[in-house]
Amino acid sequence: MKGMLDRLSGKEEEDQKSLTRYIKAIPLRSYEDVDLIKAEVRAGNVVICNVSPLAKTNIDDVKRGINELNDYVQEYNGDIARLGEERVIITPKNIRIWRNKT
């Protein structure tokens, strides 16, 4: 009965919306984008970050940003990994990146 009342009131739909997570592609254009990426991960979203826009102008900011993201996911219990030369994937605490150990 409670489930039916929740559906009629729209509560179940609201709960499902709050559980919706996204995979977002966010380019790293400036060091300040690191805060945006951290906010997305904190919200439960997976971020695929292309670092090449910032790498073309300031490789030191790329290194600093990746180090900050690495520290953040360790503290937050998320995960981070490279996807080739230009991209990294950052996940929230409830998602792990599978690494093939061959």
C-alpha atoms as a PDB file:
ATOM      1  CA  MET A   1       0.000   0.000   0.000  1.00  0.00           C
ATOM      2  CA  LYS A   2       2.815   2.427   0.881  1.00  0.00           C
ATOM      3  CA  GLY A   3       4.430   1.860  -2.534  1.00  0.00           C
ATOM      4  CA  MET A   4       1.171   2.718  -4.281  1.00  0.00           C
ATOM      5  CA  LEU A   5       0.746   5.882  -2.188  1.00  0.00           C
ATOM      6  CA  ASP A   6       4.325   6.899  -2.974  1.00  0.00           C
ATOM      7  CA  ARG A   7       3.667   6.441  -6.696  1.00  0.00           C
ATOM      8  CA  LEU A   8       0.462   8.456  -6.513  1.00  0.00           C
ATOM      9  CA  SER A   9       2.142  11.269  -4.598  1.00  0.00           C
ATOM     10  CA  GLY A  10       5.169  11.302  -6.919  1.00  0.00           C
ATOM     11  CA  LYS A  11       7.547  10.504  -4.041  1.00  0.00           C
ATOM     12  CA  GLU A  12       8.891   7.363  -5.722  1.00  0.00           C
ATOM     13  CA  GLU A  13       9.702   9.353  -8.868  1.00  0.00           C
ATOM     14  CA  GLU A  14      11.529  11.996  -6.796  1.00  0.00           C
ATOM     15  CA  ASP A  15      13.567   9.275  -5.072  1.00  0.00           C
ATOM     16  CA  GLN A  16      14.544   7.796  -8.441  1.00  0.00           C
ATOM     17  CA  LYS A  17      15.617  11.222  -9.730  1.00  0.00           C
ATOM     18  CA  SER A  18      17.850  11.724  -6.700  1.00  0.00           C
ATOM     19  CA  LEU A  19      19.493   8.361  -7.452  1.00  0.00           C
ATOM     20  CA  THR A  20      20.197   9.252 -11.087  1.00  0.00           C
ATOM     21  CA  ARG A  21      23.914   9.418 -11.803  1.00  0.00           C
ATOM     22  CA  TYR A  22      25.608  10.583 -14.976  1.00  0.00           C
ATOM     23  CA  ILE A  23      28.787  10.022 -16.914  1.00  0.00           C
ATOM     24  CA  LYS A  24      29.979  13.499 -17.851  1.00  0.00           C
ATOM     25  CA  ALA A  25      32.725  14.603 -20.216  1.00  0.00           C
ATOM     26  CA  ILE A  26      34.359  17.732 -18.811  1.00  0.00           C
ATOM     27  CA  PRO A  27      37.429  19.232 -20.499  1.00  0.00           C
ATOM     28  CA  LEU A  28      40.143  20.689 -18.299  1.00  0.00           C
ATOM     29  CA  ARG A  29      40.491  24.154 -19.846  1.00  0.00           C
ATOM     30  CA  SER A  30      41.857  25.881 -16.752  1.00  0.00           C
ATOM     31  CA  TYR A  31      43.028  24.897 -13.294  1.00  0.00           C
ATOM     32  CA  GLU A  32      39.749  26.244 -11.868  1.00  0.00           C
ATOM     33  CA  ASP A  33      37.868  23.422 -13.658  1.00  0.00           C
ATOM     34  CA  VAL A  34      39.250  21.042 -11.008  1.00  0.00           C
ATOM     35  CA  ASP A  35      36.662  22.383  -8.535  1.00  0.00           C
ATOM     36  CA  LEU A  36      33.852  21.680 -11.031  1.00  0.00           C
ATOM     37  CA  ILE A  37      35.110  18.119 -11.518  1.00  0.00           C
ATOM     38  CA  LYS A  38      35.298  17.543  -7.759  1.00  0.00           C
ATOM     39  CA  ALA A  39      31.732  18.841  -7.345  1.00  0.00           C
ATOM     40  CA  GLU A  40      30.454  16.444 -10.017  1.00  0.00           C
ATOM     41  CA  VAL A  41      32.198  13.483  -8.386  1.00  0.00           C
ATOM     42  CA  ARG A  42      30.865  14.545  -4.977  1.00  0.00           C
ATOM     43  CA  ALA A  43      27.365  14.519  -6.527  1.00  0.00           C
ATOM     44  CA  GLY A  44      27.904  10.883  -7.519  1.00  0.00           C
ATOM     45  CA  ASN A  45      28.701  11.392 -11.184  1.00  0.00           C
ATOM     46  CA  VAL A  46      31.514   9.798 -13.184  1.00  0.00           C
ATOM     47  CA  VAL A  47      33.714  12.325 -15.001  1.00  0.00           C
ATOM     48  CA  ILE A  48      35.798  11.691 -18.090  1.00  0.00           C
ATOM     49  CA  CYS A  49      38.219  14.582 -18.288  1.00  0.00           C
ATOM     50  CA  ASN A  50      40.159  15.572 -21.396  1.00  0.00           C
ATOM     51  CA  VAL A  51      43.325  17.331 -20.193  1.00  0.00           C
ATOM     52  CA  SER A  52      44.639  18.350 -23.629  1.00  0.00           C
ATOM     53  CA  PRO A  53      43.026  21.848 -23.714  1.00  0.00           C
ATOM     54  CA  LEU A  54      44.994  22.911 -20.620  1.00  0.00           C
ATOM     55  CA  ALA A  55      48.071  20.884 -21.589  1.00  0.00           C
ATOM     56  CA  LYS A  56      48.434  23.043 -24.711  1.00  0.00           C
ATOM     57  CA  THR A  57      48.835  26.153 -22.562  1.00  0.00           C
ATOM     58  CA  ASN A  58      50.181  25.074 -19.162  1.00  0.00           C
ATOM     59  CA  ILE A  59      51.421  21.547 -18.457  1.00  0.00           C
ATOM     60  CA  ASP A  60      52.289  22.477 -14.855  1.00  0.00           C
ATOM     61  CA  ASP A  61      48.627  23.306 -14.156  1.00  0.00           C
ATOM     62  CA  VAL A  62      47.649  19.929 -15.640  1.00  0.00           C
ATOM     63  CA  LYS A  63      50.030  18.132 -13.280  1.00  0.00           C
ATOM     64  CA  ARG A  64      48.841  20.202 -10.338  1.00  0.00           C
ATOM     65  CA  GLY A  65      45.181  19.580 -11.223  1.00  0.00           C
ATOM     66  CA  ILE A  66      45.629  15.819 -11.644  1.00  0.00           C
ATOM     67  CA  ASN A  67      47.532  15.646  -8.351  1.00  0.00           C
ATOM     68  CA  GLU A  68      44.723  17.534  -6.617  1.00  0.00           C
ATOM     69  CA  LEU A  69      42.099  15.218  -8.136  1.00  0.00           C
ATOM     70  CA  ASN A  70      44.150  12.189  -7.094  1.00  0.00           C
ATOM     71  CA  ASP A  71      44.366  13.485  -3.509  1.00  0.00           C
ATOM     72  CA  TYR A  72      40.642  14.263  -3.562  1.00  0.00           C
ATOM     73  CA  VAL A  73      39.529  10.796  -4.686  1.00  0.00           C
ATOM     74  CA  GLN A  74      41.793   9.149  -2.111  1.00  0.00           C
ATOM     75  CA  GLU A  75      40.247  11.273   0.636  1.00  0.00           C
ATOM     76  CA  TYR A  76      36.716  10.811  -0.728  1.00  0.00           C
ATOM     77  CA  ASN A  77      37.298   7.073  -1.406  1.00  0.00           C
ATOM     78  CA  GLY A  78      36.674   7.457  -5.138  1.00  0.00           C
ATOM     79  CA  ASP A  79      38.877   6.264  -7.997  1.00  0.00           C
ATOM     80  CA  ILE A  80      40.922   7.794 -10.811  1.00  0.00           C
ATOM     81  CA  ALA A  81      42.716   6.306 -13.817  1.00  0.00           C
ATOM     82  CA  ARG A  82      44.234   7.338 -17.126  1.00  0.00           C
ATOM     83  CA  LEU A  83      42.381   6.658 -20.346  1.00  0.00           C
ATOM     84  CA  GLY A  84      45.165   7.011 -22.888  1.00  0.00           C
ATOM     85  CA  GLU A  85      47.366  10.080 -23.150  1.00  0.00           C
ATOM     86  CA  GLU A  86      44.730  12.819 -22.995  1.00  0.00           C
ATOM     87  CA  ARG A  87      41.974  11.634 -20.673  1.00  0.00           C
ATOM     88  CA  VAL A  88      41.398  10.546 -17.096  1.00  0.00           C
ATOM     89  CA  ILE A  89      38.307   9.028 -15.534  1.00  0.00           C
ATOM     90  CA  ILE A  90      37.266  10.026 -12.021  1.00  0.00           C
ATOM     91  CA  THR A  91      34.609   8.058 -10.143  1.00  0.00           C
ATOM     92  CA  PRO A  92      32.695   8.577  -6.898  1.00  0.00           C
ATOM     93  CA  LYS A  93      33.078   6.370  -3.852  1.00  0.00           C
ATOM     94  CA  ASN A  94      30.561   3.728  -4.896  1.00  0.00           C
ATOM     95  CA  ILE A  95      32.161   3.002  -8.306  1.00  0.00           C
ATOM     96  CA  ARG A  96      35.507   1.292  -8.882  1.00  0.00           C
ATOM     97  CA  ILE A  97      37.626   1.208 -12.032  1.00  0.00           C
ATOM     98  CA  TRP A  98      38.554  -2.305 -13.107  1.00  0.00           C
ATOM     99  CA  ARG A  99      42.246  -2.637 -13.857  1.00  0.00           C
ATOM    100  CA  ASN A 100      43.440  -5.663 -15.802  1.00  0.00           C
ATOM    101  CA  LYS A 101      46.584  -6.889 -14.074  1.00  0.00           C
ATOM    102  CA  THR A 102      48.372  -8.938 -16.746  1.00  0.00           C
END
